[in-house]
């Protein structure tokens, strides 16, 4: 899984019919120390995430295991909105 921050959206009016109705979001990776990294992923939103929210992204074949992405041409899915990130007893993020 990837820890990331939703930083934008992608609009594609021409796409595979299996993706019609899917919301595409840009997610920027976050290191465990809370710093934004220079890596981005376009992911289908399965949980109603919004801009600036911290999320978990599943990639690869696991991305097609949600209700919203089953049997669709998807390689990344936002499958959780994060409430808290705690590392070694220290809270790095809290909603």
N, C-alpha and C. Protein backbone atom coordinates (compact mmCIF):
# COMPACT_ATOMS: atom_id res chain seq x y z
N UNK A 1 0.84 -1.19 0.00
CA UNK A 1 0.00 0.00 0.00
C UNK A 1 0.88 1.24 0.00
N UNK A 2 0.32 2.30 -0.53
CA UNK A 2 1.01 3.58 -0.61
C UNK A 2 0.27 4.59 0.27
N UNK A 3 1.01 5.32 1.08
CA UNK A 3 0.45 6.41 1.86
C UNK A 3 0.62 7.67 1.02
N UNK A 4 -0.47 8.41 0.81
CA UNK A 4 -0.37 9.58 -0.04
C UNK A 4 -1.38 10.66 0.31
N UNK A 5 -1.23 11.78 -0.38
CA UNK A 5 -2.13 12.93 -0.21
C UNK A 5 -2.78 13.22 -1.56
N UNK A 6 -4.09 13.37 -1.56
CA UNK A 6 -4.81 13.70 -2.80
C UNK A 6 -4.49 15.15 -3.15
N UNK A 7 -3.89 15.33 -4.32
CA UNK A 7 -3.45 16.67 -4.72
C UNK A 7 -4.17 17.20 -5.96
N UNK A 8 -4.95 16.36 -6.61
CA UNK A 8 -5.64 16.84 -7.81
C UNK A 8 -6.56 15.79 -8.40
N UNK A 9 -7.14 16.13 -9.53
CA UNK A 9 -8.06 15.24 -10.23
C UNK A 9 -7.65 15.12 -11.68
N UNK A 10 -8.13 14.08 -12.32
CA UNK A 10 -7.92 13.88 -13.75
C UNK A 10 -9.30 13.74 -14.38
N UNK A 11 -9.54 14.48 -15.45
CA UNK A 11 -10.79 14.38 -16.20
C UNK A 11 -10.47 13.79 -17.57
N UNK A 12 -11.13 12.71 -17.91
CA UNK A 12 -10.94 12.06 -19.21
C UNK A 12 -12.32 11.75 -19.79
N UNK A 13 -12.73 12.53 -20.77
CA UNK A 13 -14.06 12.32 -21.35
C UNK A 13 -14.08 11.11 -22.27
N UNK A 14 -12.96 10.74 -22.85
CA UNK A 14 -12.85 9.55 -23.69
C UNK A 14 -12.08 8.50 -22.90
N UNK A 15 -12.77 7.43 -22.51
CA UNK A 15 -12.12 6.37 -21.74
C UNK A 15 -12.86 5.06 -21.93
N UNK A 16 -12.26 3.99 -21.50
CA UNK A 16 -12.89 2.68 -21.57
C UNK A 16 -14.24 2.74 -20.88
N UNK A 17 -15.23 2.11 -21.46
CA UNK A 17 -16.59 2.19 -20.91
C UNK A 17 -16.68 1.64 -19.48
N UNK A 18 -15.77 0.74 -19.09
CA UNK A 18 -15.78 0.22 -17.73
C UNK A 18 -15.37 1.28 -16.70
N UNK A 19 -14.74 2.37 -17.17
CA UNK A 19 -14.31 3.44 -16.25
C UNK A 19 -15.30 4.59 -16.18
N UNK A 20 -16.36 4.53 -16.97
CA UNK A 20 -17.36 5.60 -16.92
C UNK A 20 -17.95 5.66 -15.51
N UNK A 21 -17.98 6.86 -14.95
CA UNK A 21 -18.49 7.05 -13.59
C UNK A 21 -17.42 6.97 -12.52
N UNK A 22 -16.21 6.56 -12.89
CA UNK A 22 -15.11 6.48 -11.92
C UNK A 22 -14.45 7.84 -11.77
N UNK A 23 -14.16 8.22 -10.52
CA UNK A 23 -13.47 9.47 -10.24
C UNK A 23 -11.97 9.19 -10.18
N UNK A 24 -11.20 9.90 -11.00
CA UNK A 24 -9.75 9.72 -11.06
C UNK A 24 -9.07 10.83 -10.27
N UNK A 25 -8.20 10.44 -9.34
CA UNK A 25 -7.53 11.40 -8.47
C UNK A 25 -6.02 11.27 -8.61
N UNK A 26 -5.32 12.38 -8.42
CA UNK A 26 -3.86 12.36 -8.37
C UNK A 26 -3.45 12.29 -6.91
N UNK A 27 -2.62 11.31 -6.59
CA UNK A 27 -2.17 11.10 -5.21
C UNK A 27 -0.65 11.25 -5.18
N UNK A 28 -0.17 12.14 -4.30
CA UNK A 28 1.27 12.34 -4.12
C UNK A 28 1.74 11.52 -2.93
N UNK A 29 2.79 10.73 -3.13
CA UNK A 29 3.31 9.87 -2.06
C UNK A 29 3.78 10.71 -0.87
N UNK A 30 3.64 10.12 0.32
CA UNK A 30 4.11 10.73 1.56
C UNK A 30 5.05 9.76 2.25
N UNK A 31 6.22 10.23 2.67
CA UNK A 31 7.15 9.42 3.44
C UNK A 31 6.59 9.26 4.86
N UNK A 32 7.09 8.29 5.61
CA UNK A 32 6.58 8.07 6.97
C UNK A 32 6.89 9.22 7.91
N UNK A 33 7.84 10.09 7.55
CA UNK A 33 8.11 11.26 8.37
C UNK A 33 7.16 12.41 8.05
N UNK A 34 6.21 12.17 7.14
CA UNK A 34 5.21 13.17 6.80
C UNK A 34 5.56 14.08 5.64
N UNK A 35 6.75 13.95 5.09
CA UNK A 35 7.19 14.81 3.98
C UNK A 35 6.63 14.29 2.66
N UNK A 36 6.15 15.22 1.83
CA UNK A 36 5.67 14.85 0.51
C UNK A 36 6.85 14.46 -0.37
N UNK A 37 6.68 13.39 -1.13
CA UNK A 37 7.71 12.95 -2.05
C UNK A 37 7.37 13.43 -3.45
N UNK A 38 8.29 13.29 -4.37
CA UNK A 38 8.09 13.76 -5.74
C UNK A 38 7.61 12.61 -6.63
N UNK A 39 6.68 11.82 -6.13
CA UNK A 39 6.12 10.71 -6.88
C UNK A 39 4.60 10.82 -6.84
N UNK A 40 3.97 10.63 -7.99
CA UNK A 40 2.52 10.78 -8.11
C UNK A 40 1.92 9.52 -8.73
N UNK A 41 0.67 9.25 -8.35
CA UNK A 41 -0.08 8.12 -8.89
C UNK A 41 -1.48 8.61 -9.24
N UNK A 42 -1.99 8.17 -10.38
CA UNK A 42 -3.39 8.41 -10.72
C UNK A 42 -4.16 7.18 -10.25
N UNK A 43 -5.16 7.40 -9.40
CA UNK A 43 -5.89 6.28 -8.80
C UNK A 43 -7.39 6.51 -8.90
N UNK A 44 -8.14 5.43 -9.06
CA UNK A 44 -9.60 5.48 -9.00
C UNK A 44 -9.99 5.62 -7.54
N UNK A 45 -10.91 6.53 -7.26
CA UNK A 45 -11.36 6.76 -5.89
C UNK A 45 -12.54 5.85 -5.58
N UNK A 46 -12.33 4.93 -4.64
CA UNK A 46 -13.39 3.99 -4.25
C UNK A 46 -14.08 4.38 -2.94
N UNK A 47 -13.61 5.47 -2.28
CA UNK A 47 -14.12 5.78 -0.94
C UNK A 47 -14.60 7.22 -0.77
N UNK A 48 -14.62 8.01 -1.83
CA UNK A 48 -15.10 9.39 -1.71
C UNK A 48 -14.08 10.35 -1.13
N UNK A 49 -12.81 10.13 -1.43
CA UNK A 49 -11.75 11.01 -0.93
C UNK A 49 -11.82 12.37 -1.61
N UNK A 50 -11.28 13.38 -0.92
CA UNK A 50 -11.26 14.73 -1.46
C UNK A 50 -9.85 15.30 -1.49
N UNK A 51 -9.71 16.44 -2.13
CA UNK A 51 -8.43 17.12 -2.20
C UNK A 51 -7.89 17.37 -0.80
N UNK A 52 -6.60 17.20 -0.62
CA UNK A 52 -5.84 17.39 0.62
C UNK A 52 -6.04 16.29 1.66
N UNK A 53 -6.82 15.26 1.36
CA UNK A 53 -6.97 14.17 2.33
C UNK A 53 -5.81 13.19 2.20
N UNK A 54 -5.43 12.60 3.34
CA UNK A 54 -4.41 11.56 3.38
C UNK A 54 -5.13 10.22 3.16
N UNK A 55 -4.58 9.42 2.23
CA UNK A 55 -5.26 8.19 1.82
C UNK A 55 -4.28 7.03 1.71
N UNK A 56 -4.84 5.83 1.64
CA UNK A 56 -4.07 4.64 1.31
C UNK A 56 -4.45 4.19 -0.09
N UNK A 57 -3.44 3.86 -0.88
CA UNK A 57 -3.65 3.43 -2.26
C UNK A 57 -3.14 2.01 -2.42
N UNK A 58 -3.95 1.15 -3.00
CA UNK A 58 -3.52 -0.21 -3.36
C UNK A 58 -3.22 -0.21 -4.85
N UNK A 59 -2.17 -0.94 -5.23
CA UNK A 59 -1.78 -0.98 -6.64
C UNK A 59 -1.71 -2.42 -7.13
N UNK A 60 -1.52 -2.55 -8.43
CA UNK A 60 -1.42 -3.87 -9.05
C UNK A 60 -2.75 -4.60 -9.04
N UNK A 61 -2.69 -5.91 -8.99
CA UNK A 61 -3.93 -6.70 -9.05
C UNK A 61 -4.84 -6.43 -7.86
N UNK A 62 -4.27 -6.00 -6.73
CA UNK A 62 -5.08 -5.67 -5.55
C UNK A 62 -6.01 -4.49 -5.81
N UNK A 63 -5.65 -3.63 -6.76
CA UNK A 63 -6.47 -2.46 -7.07
C UNK A 63 -7.82 -2.86 -7.66
N UNK A 64 -7.94 -4.06 -8.16
CA UNK A 64 -9.20 -4.52 -8.76
C UNK A 64 -10.05 -5.33 -7.79
N UNK A 65 -9.76 -5.22 -6.49
CA UNK A 65 -10.48 -6.01 -5.49
C UNK A 65 -11.56 -5.23 -4.74
N UNK A 66 -11.78 -3.96 -5.07
CA UNK A 66 -12.82 -3.19 -4.39
C UNK A 66 -14.14 -3.31 -5.14
N UNK A 67 -15.20 -2.93 -4.49
CA UNK A 67 -16.52 -2.92 -5.12
C UNK A 67 -16.54 -2.01 -6.35
N UNK A 68 -15.82 -0.89 -6.26
CA UNK A 68 -15.83 0.10 -7.34
C UNK A 68 -14.93 -0.26 -8.51
N UNK A 69 -13.97 -1.17 -8.31
CA UNK A 69 -12.98 -1.44 -9.36
C UNK A 69 -12.95 -2.87 -9.86
N UNK A 70 -13.81 -3.72 -9.35
CA UNK A 70 -13.82 -5.13 -9.76
C UNK A 70 -13.98 -5.27 -11.27
N UNK A 71 -13.11 -6.07 -11.89
CA UNK A 71 -13.16 -6.36 -13.33
C UNK A 71 -13.04 -5.11 -14.20
N UNK A 72 -12.28 -4.12 -13.73
CA UNK A 72 -12.06 -2.89 -14.50
C UNK A 72 -10.56 -2.73 -14.75
N UNK A 73 -10.18 -2.02 -15.81
CA UNK A 73 -8.76 -1.82 -16.12
C UNK A 73 -8.12 -0.78 -15.20
N UNK A 74 -7.87 -1.18 -13.96
CA UNK A 74 -7.38 -0.27 -12.93
C UNK A 74 -6.09 -0.83 -12.34
N UNK A 75 -5.09 0.03 -12.14
CA UNK A 75 -3.83 -0.38 -11.55
C UNK A 75 -3.59 0.29 -10.20
N UNK A 76 -4.43 1.26 -9.83
CA UNK A 76 -4.30 1.93 -8.53
C UNK A 76 -5.67 2.38 -8.06
N UNK A 77 -5.95 2.19 -6.76
CA UNK A 77 -7.24 2.56 -6.21
C UNK A 77 -7.05 3.18 -4.82
N UNK A 78 -7.76 4.29 -4.57
CA UNK A 78 -7.82 4.84 -3.23
C UNK A 78 -8.85 4.00 -2.49
N UNK A 79 -8.37 3.27 -1.46
CA UNK A 79 -9.27 2.34 -0.78
C UNK A 79 -9.44 2.65 0.70
N UNK A 80 -8.84 3.76 1.19
CA UNK A 80 -9.03 4.16 2.58
C UNK A 80 -8.65 5.62 2.75
N UNK A 81 -9.39 6.31 3.62
CA UNK A 81 -9.06 7.67 4.04
C UNK A 81 -8.46 7.55 5.43
N UNK A 82 -7.26 8.08 5.61
CA UNK A 82 -6.49 7.89 6.85
C UNK A 82 -6.95 8.87 7.93
N UNK A 83 -7.10 8.37 9.14
CA UNK A 83 -7.42 9.22 10.30
C UNK A 83 -6.16 9.61 11.06
N UNK A 84 -5.26 8.65 11.25
CA UNK A 84 -4.05 8.89 12.04
C UNK A 84 -2.89 8.08 11.48
N UNK A 85 -1.69 8.67 11.49
CA UNK A 85 -0.46 7.95 11.19
C UNK A 85 0.44 8.08 12.41
N UNK A 86 0.79 6.94 13.00
CA UNK A 86 1.66 6.92 14.17
C UNK A 86 2.86 6.02 13.88
N UNK A 87 4.06 6.54 14.07
CA UNK A 87 5.28 5.78 13.84
C UNK A 87 6.14 5.86 15.10
N UNK A 88 6.50 4.71 15.65
CA UNK A 88 7.35 4.62 16.85
C UNK A 88 6.78 5.46 18.00
N UNK A 89 5.46 5.42 18.15
CA UNK A 89 4.82 6.12 19.25
C UNK A 89 4.60 7.60 19.03
N UNK A 90 5.03 8.12 17.90
CA UNK A 90 4.86 9.55 17.59
C UNK A 90 3.83 9.72 16.48
N UNK A 91 2.85 10.59 16.72
CA UNK A 91 1.82 10.85 15.72
C UNK A 91 2.38 11.81 14.67
N UNK A 92 2.39 11.34 13.41
CA UNK A 92 2.89 12.15 12.29
C UNK A 92 1.75 12.86 11.55
N UNK A 93 0.55 12.31 11.69
CA UNK A 93 -0.62 12.92 11.05
C UNK A 93 -1.85 12.53 11.85
N UNK A 94 -2.74 13.48 12.04
CA UNK A 94 -4.03 13.18 12.66
C UNK A 94 -5.06 14.08 12.00
N UNK A 95 -6.16 13.48 11.59
CA UNK A 95 -7.24 14.20 10.91
C UNK A 95 -7.90 15.18 11.82
